[in-house]
């Protein structure tokens, strides 16, 4: 999830080489150009769908439909500087989405392994209690 970041473009290529069926979500997939995937020549090999991970019903329907073996949630704040400038917004963008994803997988009974990327600022606040 969230393949638009330049640093994670190697993940879809790796998954495709391993013959995975790859799905990428974006809050507005119909409006996004996915130009990085186009440049890499893999856009037509990746299924894209709109998804707001904070919407539990939408997330449930997609996980129920796909029953993925693995989910890579990369939809966290990717700017370290911005995460320190806006820590509350960063935490609010990470926690509800991650909890919703995990709860959806639990409720659907899908046997899914999850990799959840988050901002380091999130862990700092949890550790220090700020």
Protein backbone atom coordinates (compact mmCIF):
# COMPACT_ATOMS: atom_id res chain seq x y z
CA UNK A 1 0.00 0.00 0.00
CA UNK A 2 1.34 3.44 -0.92
CA UNK A 3 3.76 2.64 -3.78
CA UNK A 4 4.07 6.27 -4.83
CA UNK A 5 7.11 7.05 -2.71
CA UNK A 6 10.32 6.92 -4.73
CA UNK A 7 12.17 4.97 -2.04
CA UNK A 8 9.74 2.06 -2.08
CA UNK A 9 9.51 1.55 -5.82
CA UNK A 10 11.81 -1.44 -5.56
CA UNK A 11 9.17 -3.37 -3.57
CA UNK A 12 6.61 -3.74 -6.37
CA UNK A 13 9.33 -4.83 -8.81
CA UNK A 14 10.55 -7.43 -6.34
CA UNK A 15 7.01 -8.71 -5.73
CA UNK A 16 6.33 -8.89 -9.47
CA UNK A 17 9.57 -10.84 -10.05
CA UNK A 18 8.32 -13.31 -7.43
CA UNK A 19 5.07 -13.57 -9.44
CA UNK A 20 2.87 -11.93 -6.82
CA UNK A 21 -0.42 -10.34 -7.80
CA UNK A 22 0.34 -6.76 -6.76
CA UNK A 23 -2.29 -4.26 -5.63
CA UNK A 24 -1.56 -0.67 -4.71
CA UNK A 25 -3.96 1.63 -2.97
CA UNK A 26 -4.25 5.38 -2.92
CA UNK A 27 -6.89 7.59 -1.39
CA UNK A 28 -7.67 8.80 -4.91
CA UNK A 29 -6.37 6.12 -7.28
CA UNK A 30 -8.52 7.40 -10.14
CA UNK A 31 -6.92 10.84 -9.85
CA UNK A 32 -3.29 9.73 -9.36
CA UNK A 33 -1.02 9.34 -12.38
CA UNK A 34 1.29 6.69 -10.86
CA UNK A 35 4.03 8.22 -12.98
CA UNK A 36 6.80 6.49 -11.00
CA UNK A 37 5.29 3.12 -11.87
CA UNK A 38 4.93 4.24 -15.50
CA UNK A 39 8.61 5.26 -15.61
CA UNK A 40 9.60 1.84 -14.28
CA UNK A 41 7.47 0.13 -16.92
CA UNK A 42 5.35 -1.74 -14.39
CA UNK A 43 2.16 0.36 -14.20
CA UNK A 44 0.13 -2.10 -16.28
CA UNK A 45 1.21 -5.00 -14.01
CA UNK A 46 -0.12 -3.41 -10.82
CA UNK A 47 -3.78 -3.24 -9.86
CA UNK A 48 -4.72 0.08 -8.30
CA UNK A 49 -7.73 0.88 -6.16
CA UNK A 50 -8.88 3.80 -4.07
CA UNK A 51 -8.78 3.13 -0.34
CA UNK A 52 -8.83 5.26 2.77
CA UNK A 53 -7.37 3.01 5.48
CA UNK A 54 -9.25 5.02 8.08
CA UNK A 55 -12.55 3.87 6.54
CA UNK A 56 -13.19 0.53 8.23
CA UNK A 57 -16.03 -0.58 5.92
CA UNK A 58 -14.02 0.14 2.78
CA UNK A 59 -10.95 -1.59 4.21
CA UNK A 60 -13.01 -4.61 5.28
CA UNK A 61 -14.53 -5.01 1.80
CA UNK A 62 -11.14 -4.88 0.08
CA UNK A 63 -9.41 -7.31 2.48
CA UNK A 64 -12.42 -9.64 2.32
CA UNK A 65 -12.35 -9.55 -1.48
CA UNK A 66 -8.59 -9.98 -1.97
CA UNK A 67 -7.70 -12.13 1.08
CA UNK A 68 -4.05 -11.10 0.65
CA UNK A 69 -1.22 -13.27 1.94
CA UNK A 70 0.86 -10.18 2.65
CA UNK A 71 0.14 -6.49 3.14
CA UNK A 72 2.80 -3.79 3.07
CA UNK A 73 1.32 -0.67 4.66
CA UNK A 74 3.58 2.15 3.54
CA UNK A 75 0.98 4.88 3.89
CA UNK A 76 2.62 6.76 6.73
CA UNK A 77 4.10 10.25 6.79
CA UNK A 78 7.28 9.84 4.73
CA UNK A 79 8.88 13.19 5.55
CA UNK A 80 10.89 12.98 8.75
CA UNK A 81 11.10 16.76 8.95
CA UNK A 82 7.37 17.16 8.53
CA UNK A 83 6.69 14.45 11.10
CA UNK A 84 8.62 16.50 13.67
CA UNK A 85 6.93 19.75 12.62
CA UNK A 86 3.47 18.16 12.77
CA UNK A 87 3.70 15.30 15.28
CA UNK A 88 -0.01 15.15 16.14
CA UNK A 89 -1.05 14.97 12.49
CA UNK A 90 1.65 12.36 11.87
CA UNK A 91 0.50 10.17 14.73
CA UNK A 92 -3.15 10.58 13.74
CA UNK A 93 -2.30 9.48 10.20
CA UNK A 94 -0.45 6.37 11.36
CA UNK A 95 -2.29 4.89 14.34
CA UNK A 96 -5.93 4.79 13.15
CA UNK A 97 -4.96 3.37 9.76
CA UNK A 98 -2.68 0.69 11.22
CA UNK A 99 -5.20 -0.33 13.89
CA UNK A 100 -8.00 -0.41 11.34
CA UNK A 101 -5.94 -2.58 8.98
CA UNK A 102 -4.98 -5.04 11.73
CA UNK A 103 -8.52 -5.21 13.10
CA UNK A 104 -9.91 -5.80 9.61
CA UNK A 105 -7.51 -8.68 9.04
CA UNK A 106 -8.46 -10.16 12.40
CA UNK A 107 -12.20 -9.85 11.71
CA UNK A 108 -12.01 -11.33 8.21
CA UNK A 109 -9.95 -14.27 9.41
CA UNK A 110 -7.53 -13.67 6.55
CA UNK A 111 -4.18 -15.35 7.05
CA UNK A 112 -2.22 -12.22 6.22
CA UNK A 113 1.25 -11.13 7.20
CA UNK A 114 1.50 -7.37 7.70
CA UNK A 115 4.46 -5.04 7.37
CA UNK A 116 3.53 -1.63 8.75
CA UNK A 117 5.89 1.28 8.10
CA UNK A 118 5.50 4.26 10.37
CA UNK A 119 7.32 7.42 11.28
CA UNK A 120 10.10 7.32 13.85
CA UNK A 121 8.43 10.24 15.61
CA UNK A 122 5.51 7.92 16.45
CA UNK A 123 7.80 5.54 18.35
CA UNK A 124 9.56 8.41 20.11
CA UNK A 125 6.26 9.72 21.47
CA UNK A 126 5.16 6.29 22.59
CA UNK A 127 8.47 5.66 24.34
CA UNK A 128 8.64 9.03 26.10
CA UNK A 129 4.94 9.37 26.82
CA UNK A 130 4.68 12.82 25.15
